[in-house]
C-alpha atoms as a PDB file:
ATOM      1  CA  MET A   1     -82.768 -90.334  31.730  1.00  0.00           C
ATOM      2  CA  ALA A   2     -79.942 -88.398  30.060  1.00  0.00           C
ATOM      3  CA  LYS A   3     -78.358 -91.638  28.837  1.00  0.00           C
ATOM      4  CA  ALA A   4     -81.676 -92.680  27.415  1.00  0.00           C
ATOM      5  CA  LEU A   5     -82.020 -89.376  25.592  1.00  0.00           C
ATOM      6  CA  LEU A   6     -78.479 -89.558  24.216  1.00  0.00           C
ATOM      7  CA  GLY A   7     -79.110 -93.095  23.042  1.00  0.00           C
ATOM      8  CA  TYR A   8     -82.312 -91.987  21.399  1.00  0.00           C
ATOM      9  CA  VAL A   9     -80.717 -89.003  19.686  1.00  0.00           C
ATOM     10  CA  GLY A  10     -77.766 -91.064  18.536  1.00  0.00           C
ATOM     11  CA  GLY A  11     -75.069 -90.420  21.147  1.00  0.00           C
ATOM     12  CA  THR A  12     -72.121 -88.125  20.846  1.00  0.00           C
ATOM     13  CA  ASP A  13     -70.776 -87.079  17.486  1.00  0.00           C
ATOM     14  CA  PRO A  14     -67.646 -89.127  16.620  1.00  0.00           C
ATOM     15  CA  ARG A  15     -66.038 -85.988  15.177  1.00  0.00           C
ATOM     16  CA  LEU A  16     -66.488 -84.262  18.530  1.00  0.00           C
ATOM     17  CA  THR A  17     -64.949 -87.219  20.356  1.00  0.00           C
ATOM     18  CA  THR A  18     -61.976 -87.229  17.978  1.00  0.00           C
ATOM     19  CA  GLU A  19     -61.507 -83.486  18.405  1.00  0.00           C
ATOM     20  CA  VAL A  20     -61.593 -83.770  22.212  1.00  0.00           C
ATOM     21  CA  GLN A  21     -58.951 -86.536  22.085  1.00  0.00           C
ATOM     22  CA  ARG A  22     -56.776 -84.417  19.791  1.00  0.00           C
ATOM     23  CA  LEU A  23     -57.089 -81.407  22.081  1.00  0.00           C
ATOM     24  CA  ARG A  24     -56.245 -83.478  25.161  1.00  0.00           C
ATOM     25  CA  ARG A  25     -53.086 -84.768  23.438  1.00  0.00           C
ATOM     26  CA  ARG A  26     -52.189 -81.198  22.467  1.00  0.00           C
ATOM     27  CA  VAL A  27     -52.644 -79.986  26.054  1.00  0.00           C
ATOM     28  CA  THR A  28     -50.425 -82.820  27.297  1.00  0.00           C
ATOM     29  CA  ASP A  29     -47.755 -81.933  24.717  1.00  0.00           C
ATOM     30  CA  LEU A  30     -47.900 -78.254  25.662  1.00  0.00           C
ATOM     31  CA  GLU A  31     -47.629 -79.050  29.372  1.00  0.00           C
ATOM     32  CA  ALA A  32     -44.533 -81.156  28.673  1.00  0.00           C
ATOM     33  CA  GLN A  33     -43.063 -78.320  26.607  1.00  0.00           C
ATOM     34  CA  VAL A  34     -43.684 -75.843  29.428  1.00  0.00           C
ATOM     35  CA  LEU A  35     -41.831 -78.123  31.842  1.00  0.00           C
ATOM     36  CA  ARG A  36     -38.880 -78.483  29.437  1.00  0.00           C
ATOM     37  CA  LEU A  37     -38.728 -74.712  28.957  1.00  0.00           C
ATOM     38  CA  GLN A  38     -38.859 -74.101  32.709  1.00  0.00           C
ATOM     39  CA  VAL A  39     -35.923 -76.468  33.245  1.00  0.00           C
ATOM     40  CA  GLU A  40     -33.981 -74.839  30.409  1.00  0.00           C
ATOM     41  CA  ASN A  41     -34.749 -71.375  31.775  1.00  0.00           C
ATOM     42  CA  ASP A  42     -33.558 -72.376  35.240  1.00  0.00           C
ATOM     43  CA  GLN A  43     -30.318 -73.737  33.760  1.00  0.00           C
ATOM     44  CA  LEU A  44     -29.743 -70.567  31.753  1.00  0.00           C
ATOM     45  CA  ALA A  45     -30.449 -68.364  34.760  1.00  0.00           C
ATOM     46  CA  GLU A  46     -27.976 -70.373  36.831  1.00  0.00           C
ATOM     47  CA  ALA A  47     -25.371 -70.111  34.068  1.00  0.00           C
ATOM     48  CA  ALA A  48     -25.927 -66.345  33.840  1.00  0.00           C
ATOM     49  CA  VAL A  49     -25.389 -65.962  37.574  1.00  0.00           C
ATOM     50  CA  GLU A  50     -22.234 -68.095  37.375  1.00  0.00           C
ATOM     51  CA  HIS A  51     -21.006 -66.104  34.381  1.00  0.00           C
ATOM     52  CA  GLY A  52     -21.574 -62.909  36.362  1.00  0.00           C
ATOM     53  CA  ARG A  53     -19.495 -64.320  39.197  1.00  0.00           C
ATOM     54  CA  LEU A  54     -16.706 -65.212  36.789  1.00  0.00           C
ATOM     55  CA  LEU A  55     -16.755 -61.702  35.361  1.00  0.00           C
ATOM     56  CA  ASP A  56     -16.656 -60.211  38.853  1.00  0.00           C
ATOM     57  CA  ASP A  57     -13.674 -62.414  39.723  1.00  0.00           C
ATOM     58  CA  ALA A  58     -11.890 -61.385  36.519  1.00  0.00           C
ATOM     59  CA  VAL A  59     -12.456 -57.705  37.254  1.00  0.00           C
ATOM     60  CA  LEU A  60     -11.197 -58.134  40.801  1.00  0.00           C
ATOM     61  CA  SER A  61      -8.120 -60.036  39.651  1.00  0.00           C
ATOM     62  CA  ASP A  62      -7.336 -57.312  37.102  1.00  0.00           C
ATOM     63  CA  THR A  63      -7.247 -54.687  39.848  1.00  0.00           C
ATOM     64  CA  HIS A  64      -4.411 -56.540  41.607  1.00  0.00           C
ATOM     65  CA  VAL A  65      -2.122 -56.467  38.567  1.00  0.00           C
ATOM     66  CA  PRO A  66       0.617 -53.907  39.122  1.00  0.00           C
ATOM     67  CA  GLN A  67       0.445 -51.012  36.692  1.00  0.00           C
ATOM     68  CA  PRO A  68       3.542 -49.304  35.327  1.00  0.00           C
ATOM     69  CA  ALA A  69       4.364 -45.955  36.907  1.00  0.00           C
ATOM     70  CA  LEU A  70       3.664 -42.897  34.841  1.00  0.00           C
ATOM     71  CA  THR A  71       6.786 -40.894  34.051  1.00  0.00           C
END
């Protein structure tokens, strides 16, 4: 019955169909961007942790350097 009514009224508006397609493409693009940003964020977080370890190692190695005696 609904199909008959839509056929009688003239069906869906082509502008609406075009807009829905455009929005679906936009959602797909945004989902892909979110995934790329998540990967980049994970890489940056890992690099920050590694950088922190390197700094900790540098600080520890500096404490083992003999200091001149105060006179």
